[in-house]
Amino acid sequence: AVHRVYDEYTALKFAHFGLCSQLFDTLAAQLGPDETAIRTVPGLDPDGLHHLAARLSEATTGLCAALTPSEKGTGYCIARSGGDVRALTKALNTALNGRGGGKPGFCQGSLACTDFADVQNFLVNYHE
């Protein structure tokens, strides 16, 4: 019974990964070359957020943000091809009670804020 459940879990996880990849490709295909891309996808784990932000940043040189609701707030991954998003991440964490960090081109973390409009407004209106 344990092997059967494990096999079912593995099959579902593989199917989930495939569907997410298709969704991420579709979201990226809709972008212009220097468009800002802020996308919210429920149910993503940190790895899924990273994959979505990476896929979006392959399609545009604009700011890319992948967001997902969690039980504690909002998970995020911010990316910019050839850019540095660390200052933005620090400001976002300060403004919306978050934590996280990363490398110049990719930062990831979580926010206590559950209002996606607040997160999107901050990201769109941020200026260094």
N, C-alpha and C. Protein backbone atom coordinates (compact mmCIF):
# COMPACT_ATOMS: atom_id res chain seq x y z
N ALA A 1 0.83 -1.19 0.00
CA ALA A 1 0.00 0.00 0.00
C ALA A 1 0.87 1.26 0.00
N VAL A 2 1.96 1.23 0.75
CA VAL A 2 2.85 2.40 0.80
C VAL A 2 3.48 2.63 -0.57
N HIS A 3 3.90 1.59 -1.24
CA HIS A 3 4.49 1.74 -2.58
C HIS A 3 3.47 2.29 -3.56
N ARG A 4 2.23 1.84 -3.47
CA ARG A 4 1.18 2.31 -4.36
C ARG A 4 0.94 3.81 -4.16
N VAL A 5 0.83 4.22 -2.89
CA VAL A 5 0.61 5.63 -2.58
C VAL A 5 1.81 6.47 -3.05
N TYR A 6 3.01 5.98 -2.83
CA TYR A 6 4.20 6.69 -3.28
C TYR A 6 4.22 6.83 -4.80
N ASP A 7 3.86 5.76 -5.51
CA ASP A 7 3.82 5.81 -6.98
C ASP A 7 2.77 6.82 -7.46
N GLU A 8 1.62 6.85 -6.80
CA GLU A 8 0.58 7.82 -7.16
C GLU A 8 1.06 9.24 -6.90
N TYR A 9 1.71 9.46 -5.76
CA TYR A 9 2.26 10.77 -5.42
C TYR A 9 3.28 11.21 -6.46
N THR A 10 4.17 10.31 -6.83
CA THR A 10 5.20 10.63 -7.83
C THR A 10 4.57 10.99 -9.17
N ALA A 11 3.56 10.25 -9.59
CA ALA A 11 2.87 10.53 -10.85
C ALA A 11 2.17 11.89 -10.80
N LEU A 12 1.51 12.19 -9.69
CA LEU A 12 0.84 13.49 -9.55
C LEU A 12 1.85 14.63 -9.54
N LYS A 13 2.95 14.45 -8.86
CA LYS A 13 3.98 15.49 -8.81
C LYS A 13 4.55 15.74 -10.20
N PHE A 14 4.78 14.69 -10.97
CA PHE A 14 5.29 14.81 -12.33
C PHE A 14 4.27 15.54 -13.22
N ALA A 15 3.00 15.20 -13.09
CA ALA A 15 1.94 15.85 -13.86
C ALA A 15 1.84 17.33 -13.48
N HIS A 16 1.92 17.63 -12.19
CA HIS A 16 1.88 19.01 -11.71
C HIS A 16 3.03 19.82 -12.30
N PHE A 17 4.22 19.26 -12.29
CA PHE A 17 5.39 19.95 -12.85
C PHE A 17 5.19 20.24 -14.33
N GLY A 18 4.66 19.27 -15.06
CA GLY A 18 4.41 19.46 -16.49
C GLY A 18 3.38 20.54 -16.76
N LEU A 19 2.30 20.55 -15.99
CA LEU A 19 1.27 21.58 -16.16
C LEU A 19 1.81 22.96 -15.81
N CYS A 20 2.59 23.05 -14.74
CA CYS A 20 3.19 24.33 -14.37
C CYS A 20 4.13 24.82 -15.47
N SER A 21 4.92 23.95 -16.04
CA SER A 21 5.83 24.33 -17.12
C SER A 21 5.05 24.89 -18.31
N GLN A 22 3.94 24.24 -18.66
CA GLN A 22 3.11 24.74 -19.76
C GLN A 22 2.53 26.11 -19.42
N LEU A 23 2.05 26.29 -18.20
CA LEU A 23 1.50 27.58 -17.77
C LEU A 23 2.57 28.66 -17.82
N PHE A 24 3.75 28.36 -17.31
CA PHE A 24 4.83 29.35 -17.29
C PHE A 24 5.24 29.73 -18.71
N ASP A 25 5.30 28.76 -19.60
CA ASP A 25 5.62 29.05 -21.01
C ASP A 25 4.56 29.95 -21.64
N THR A 26 3.30 29.69 -21.34
CA THR A 26 2.20 30.50 -21.88
C THR A 26 2.27 31.92 -21.35
N LEU A 27 2.50 32.07 -20.05
CA LEU A 27 2.61 33.41 -19.46
C LEU A 27 3.79 34.17 -20.06
N ALA A 28 4.90 33.50 -20.29
CA ALA A 28 6.08 34.15 -20.86
C ALA A 28 5.86 34.54 -22.32
N ALA A 29 5.13 33.71 -23.06
CA ALA A 29 4.89 33.98 -24.48
C ALA A 29 4.05 35.24 -24.70
N GLN A 30 3.33 35.68 -23.69
CA GLN A 30 2.47 36.86 -23.81
C GLN A 30 3.23 38.17 -23.60
N LEU A 31 4.50 38.09 -23.26
CA LEU A 31 5.27 39.28 -22.89
C LEU A 31 5.96 39.94 -24.07
N GLY A 32 6.05 41.26 -24.01
CA GLY A 32 6.86 42.02 -24.96
C GLY A 32 8.30 42.02 -24.49
N PRO A 33 9.24 42.49 -25.33
CA PRO A 33 10.67 42.39 -25.03
C PRO A 33 11.13 43.16 -23.79
N ASP A 34 10.49 44.26 -23.43
CA ASP A 34 10.91 45.01 -22.24
C ASP A 34 9.74 45.29 -21.30
N GLU A 35 8.76 44.42 -21.34
CA GLU A 35 7.55 44.57 -20.53
C GLU A 35 7.79 44.13 -19.08
N THR A 36 7.15 44.83 -18.15
CA THR A 36 7.14 44.41 -16.75
C THR A 36 6.13 43.27 -16.61
N ALA A 37 6.51 42.22 -15.91
CA ALA A 37 5.65 41.05 -15.76
C ALA A 37 5.47 40.72 -14.28
N ILE A 38 4.28 40.97 -13.76
CA ILE A 38 3.94 40.61 -12.39
C ILE A 38 2.80 39.61 -12.48
N ARG A 39 3.07 38.36 -12.11
CA ARG A 39 2.09 37.29 -12.26
C ARG A 39 1.84 36.60 -10.93
N THR A 40 0.58 36.35 -10.64
CA THR A 40 0.17 35.66 -9.42
C THR A 40 -0.36 34.29 -9.79
N VAL A 41 0.22 33.26 -9.19
CA VAL A 41 -0.21 31.88 -9.41
C VAL A 41 -0.37 31.21 -8.05
N PRO A 42 -1.60 30.87 -7.66
CA PRO A 42 -1.80 30.21 -6.36
C PRO A 42 -1.17 28.82 -6.34
N GLY A 43 -0.75 28.42 -5.15
CA GLY A 43 -0.29 27.05 -4.93
C GLY A 43 1.15 26.76 -5.29
N LEU A 44 1.95 27.76 -5.60
CA LEU A 44 3.35 27.50 -5.94
C LEU A 44 4.21 27.41 -4.69
N ASP A 45 5.14 26.48 -4.70
CA ASP A 45 6.12 26.41 -3.63
C ASP A 45 7.29 27.32 -4.03
N PRO A 46 8.29 27.51 -3.16
CA PRO A 46 9.41 28.39 -3.52
C PRO A 46 10.11 27.99 -4.82
N ASP A 47 10.22 26.70 -5.07
CA ASP A 47 10.84 26.24 -6.32
C ASP A 47 10.00 26.65 -7.53
N GLY A 48 8.68 26.52 -7.42
CA GLY A 48 7.79 26.93 -8.50
C GLY A 48 7.86 28.42 -8.76
N LEU A 49 7.93 29.22 -7.69
CA LEU A 49 8.09 30.68 -7.84
C LEU A 49 9.37 31.00 -8.60
N HIS A 50 10.44 30.32 -8.23
CA HIS A 50 11.72 30.55 -8.89
C HIS A 50 11.65 30.20 -10.38
N HIS A 51 11.04 29.06 -10.68
CA HIS A 51 10.92 28.65 -12.09
C HIS A 51 10.07 29.64 -12.89
N LEU A 52 8.97 30.12 -12.31
CA LEU A 52 8.13 31.08 -13.02
C LEU A 52 8.89 32.38 -13.26
N ALA A 53 9.55 32.91 -12.24
CA ALA A 53 10.30 34.16 -12.41
C ALA A 53 11.41 33.99 -13.44
N ALA A 54 12.07 32.84 -13.41
CA ALA A 54 13.14 32.58 -14.38
C ALA A 54 12.59 32.54 -15.80
N ARG A 55 11.48 31.87 -15.98
CA ARG A 55 10.87 31.75 -17.32
C ARG A 55 10.43 33.12 -17.82
N LEU A 56 9.83 33.94 -16.95
CA LEU A 56 9.41 35.28 -17.35
C LEU A 56 10.62 36.13 -17.73
N SER A 57 11.70 36.03 -16.95
CA SER A 57 12.88 36.86 -17.22
C SER A 57 13.63 36.43 -18.48
N GLU A 58 13.35 35.23 -18.98
CA GLU A 58 13.91 34.81 -20.27
C GLU A 58 13.19 35.49 -21.43
N ALA A 59 11.94 35.94 -21.18
CA ALA A 59 11.11 36.50 -22.25
C ALA A 59 11.14 38.03 -22.30
N THR A 60 11.62 38.68 -21.25
CA THR A 60 11.61 40.14 -21.21
C THR A 60 12.80 40.66 -20.42
N THR A 61 13.21 41.87 -20.73
CA THR A 61 14.26 42.51 -19.94
C THR A 61 13.67 43.36 -18.83
N GLY A 62 12.34 43.46 -18.77
CA GLY A 62 11.66 44.22 -17.72
C GLY A 62 11.68 43.47 -16.41
N LEU A 63 11.15 44.13 -15.39
CA LEU A 63 11.05 43.52 -14.07
C LEU A 63 10.06 42.36 -14.11
N CYS A 64 10.43 41.25 -13.49
CA CYS A 64 9.56 40.07 -13.42
C CYS A 64 9.33 39.70 -11.95
N ALA A 65 8.07 39.47 -11.62
CA ALA A 65 7.74 39.07 -10.25
C ALA A 65 6.73 37.95 -10.29
N ALA A 66 7.04 36.88 -9.59
CA ALA A 66 6.11 35.75 -9.42
C ALA A 66 5.62 35.80 -7.98
N LEU A 67 4.30 35.78 -7.82
CA LEU A 67 3.68 35.88 -6.49
C LEU A 67 2.75 34.70 -6.27
N THR A 68 2.65 34.28 -5.01
CA THR A 68 1.69 33.23 -4.66
C THR A 68 1.20 33.46 -3.23
N PRO A 69 -0.10 33.27 -3.01
CA PRO A 69 -0.60 33.41 -1.65
C PRO A 69 -0.14 32.23 -0.79
N SER A 70 0.08 32.51 0.48
CA SER A 70 0.39 31.43 1.43
C SER A 70 -0.45 31.65 2.67
N GLU A 71 -0.38 30.71 3.58
CA GLU A 71 -1.16 30.84 4.81
C GLU A 71 -0.70 32.03 5.66
N LYS A 72 0.51 32.50 5.44
CA LYS A 72 1.05 33.60 6.24
C LYS A 72 1.12 34.92 5.47
N GLY A 73 0.83 34.93 4.18
CA GLY A 73 0.94 36.17 3.41
C GLY A 73 1.15 35.90 1.94
N THR A 74 2.26 36.39 1.41
CA THR A 74 2.56 36.29 -0.01
C THR A 74 3.99 35.83 -0.22
N GLY A 75 4.16 34.75 -0.98
CA GLY A 75 5.49 34.34 -1.38
C GLY A 75 5.85 35.06 -2.66
N TYR A 76 7.12 35.39 -2.85
CA TYR A 76 7.53 36.10 -4.06
C TYR A 76 8.88 35.65 -4.57
N CYS A 77 9.10 35.85 -5.85
CA CYS A 77 10.41 35.75 -6.47
C CYS A 77 10.47 36.87 -7.50
N ILE A 78 11.49 37.70 -7.39
CA ILE A 78 11.66 38.84 -8.29
C ILE A 78 12.92 38.60 -9.11
N ALA A 79 12.82 38.88 -10.41
CA ALA A 79 13.96 38.67 -11.30
C ALA A 79 14.03 39.79 -12.33
N ARG A 80 15.23 40.02 -12.83
CA ARG A 80 15.41 40.94 -13.95
C ARG A 80 16.65 40.49 -14.70
N SER A 81 16.45 40.18 -15.96
CA SER A 81 17.56 39.73 -16.80
C SER A 81 18.58 40.85 -16.94
N GLY A 82 19.80 40.59 -16.50
CA GLY A 82 20.87 41.58 -16.60
C GLY A 82 20.74 42.73 -15.61
N GLY A 83 19.85 42.62 -14.63
CA GLY A 83 19.65 43.70 -13.67
C GLY A 83 19.92 43.26 -12.25
N ASP A 84 19.79 44.20 -11.33
CA ASP A 84 20.00 43.93 -9.90
C ASP A 84 18.71 44.28 -9.16
N VAL A 85 18.08 43.31 -8.55
CA VAL A 85 16.81 43.52 -7.86
C VAL A 85 16.96 43.51 -6.33
N ARG A 86 18.18 43.54 -5.84
CA ARG A 86 18.39 43.48 -4.38
C ARG A 86 17.86 44.73 -3.66
N ALA A 87 18.06 45.93 -4.22
CA ALA A 87 17.56 47.15 -3.58
C ALA A 87 16.02 47.13 -3.56
N LEU A 88 15.41 46.69 -4.66
CA LEU A 88 13.96 46.57 -4.72
C LEU A 88 13.46 45.59 -3.66
N THR A 89 14.12 44.47 -3.54
CA THR A 89 13.72 43.45 -2.57
C THR A 89 13.81 43.98 -1.15
N LYS A 90 14.89 44.70 -0.85
CA LYS A 90 15.06 45.28 0.48
C LYS A 90 13.94 46.28 0.77
N ALA A 91 13.63 47.14 -0.19
CA ALA A 91 12.56 48.13 -0.02
C ALA A 91 11.20 47.44 0.12
N LEU A 92 10.95 46.40 -0.68
CA LEU A 92 9.70 45.65 -0.62
C LEU A 92 9.54 45.00 0.76
N ASN A 93 10.59 44.37 1.24
CA ASN A 93 10.55 43.72 2.56
C ASN A 93 10.28 44.74 3.66
N THR A 94 10.89 45.91 3.57
CA THR A 94 10.69 46.95 4.58
C THR A 94 9.26 47.48 4.54
N ALA A 95 8.76 47.74 3.34
CA ALA A 95 7.44 48.35 3.18
C ALA A 95 6.30 47.39 3.53
N LEU A 96 6.46 46.10 3.23
CA LEU A 96 5.34 45.16 3.38
C LEU A 96 5.64 44.03 4.36
N ASN A 97 6.54 44.31 5.31
CA ASN A 97 6.84 43.37 6.38
C ASN A 97 7.25 41.99 5.84
N GLY A 98 8.34 42.00 5.10
CA GLY A 98 8.80 40.76 4.48
C GLY A 98 10.19 40.38 4.89
N ARG A 99 10.60 39.25 4.36
CA ARG A 99 11.96 38.78 4.55
C ARG A 99 12.38 38.00 3.32
N GLY A 100 13.65 38.08 3.01
CA GLY A 100 14.17 37.37 1.86
C GLY A 100 15.35 38.12 1.27
N GLY A 101 15.90 37.56 0.25
CA GLY A 101 17.06 38.15 -0.41
C GLY A 101 17.51 37.25 -1.53
N GLY A 102 18.73 37.48 -1.99
CA GLY A 102 19.24 36.65 -3.06
C GLY A 102 20.40 37.28 -3.78
N LYS A 103 20.52 36.93 -5.04
CA LYS A 103 21.59 37.39 -5.91
C LYS A 103 21.12 38.61 -6.70
N PRO A 104 22.03 39.29 -7.41
CA PRO A 104 21.60 40.48 -8.15
C PRO A 104 20.40 40.25 -9.07
N GLY A 105 20.38 39.20 -9.85
CA GLY A 105 19.31 38.97 -10.82
C GLY A 105 18.07 38.28 -10.28
N PHE A 106 18.17 37.64 -9.10
CA PHE A 106 17.06 36.89 -8.51
C PHE A 106 17.02 37.09 -7.01
N CYS A 107 15.85 37.43 -6.50
CA CYS A 107 15.63 37.49 -5.06
C CYS A 107 14.31 36.81 -4.74
N GLN A 108 14.26 36.16 -3.59
CA GLN A 108 13.07 35.40 -3.23
C GLN A 108 12.80 35.55 -1.74
N GLY A 109 11.51 35.51 -1.37
CA GLY A 109 11.17 35.63 0.03
C GLY A 109 9.68 35.55 0.25
N SER A 110 9.25 36.13 1.38
CA SER A 110 7.83 36.13 1.72
C SER A 110 7.48 37.45 2.40
N LEU A 111 6.21 37.82 2.25
CA LEU A 111 5.68 39.06 2.82
C LEU A 111 4.52 38.72 3.75
N ALA A 112 4.37 39.48 4.83
CA ALA A 112 3.21 39.30 5.69
C ALA A 112 1.96 39.86 5.02
N CYS A 113 2.13 40.71 4.02
CA CYS A 113 1.02 41.34 3.30
C CYS A 113 0.25 40.30 2.48
N THR A 114 -1.07 40.29 2.60
CA THR A 114 -1.90 39.37 1.82
C THR A 114 -2.66 40.08 0.70
N ASP A 115 -2.53 41.38 0.60
CA ASP A 115 -3.24 42.16 -0.42
C ASP A 115 -2.37 42.28 -1.67
N PHE A 116 -2.72 41.52 -2.71
CA PHE A 116 -1.92 41.52 -3.93
C PHE A 116 -1.88 42.89 -4.59
N ALA A 117 -2.93 43.68 -4.43
CA ALA A 117 -2.94 45.03 -5.01
C ALA A 117 -1.82 45.87 -4.40
N ASP A 118 -1.60 45.75 -3.09
CA ASP A 118 -0.52 46.49 -2.44
C ASP A 118 0.84 46.05 -2.97
N VAL A 119 1.02 44.75 -3.12
CA VAL A 119 2.29 44.22 -3.61
C VAL A 119 2.51 44.69 -5.04
N GLN A 120 1.52 44.55 -5.91
CA GLN A 120 1.65 44.97 -7.30
C GLN A 120 1.91 46.46 -7.42
N ASN A 121 1.17 47.28 -6.65
CA ASN A 121 1.38 48.72 -6.69
C ASN A 121 2.80 49.09 -6.28
N PHE A 122 3.30 48.43 -5.25
CA PHE A 122 4.66 48.71 -4.81
C PHE A 122 5.65 48.38 -5.92
N LEU A 123 5.52 47.20 -6.51
CA LEU A 123 6.46 46.78 -7.55
C LEU A 123 6.40 47.69 -8.79
N VAL A 124 5.21 48.05 -9.21
CA VAL A 124 5.06 48.89 -10.40
C VAL A 124 5.56 50.31 -10.15
N ASN A 125 5.36 50.83 -8.95
CA ASN A 125 5.68 52.23 -8.66
C ASN A 125 7.06 52.42 -8.02
N TYR A 126 7.81 51.36 -7.81
CA TYR A 126 9.11 51.48 -7.15
C TYR A 126 10.11 52.17 -8.09
N HIS A 127 10.82 53.13 -7.53
CA HIS A 127 11.90 53.81 -8.25
C HIS A 127 13.07 53.95 -7.29
N GLU A 128 14.25 53.56 -7.77
CA GLU A 128 15.46 53.64 -6.92
C GLU A 128 15.85 55.07 -6.70
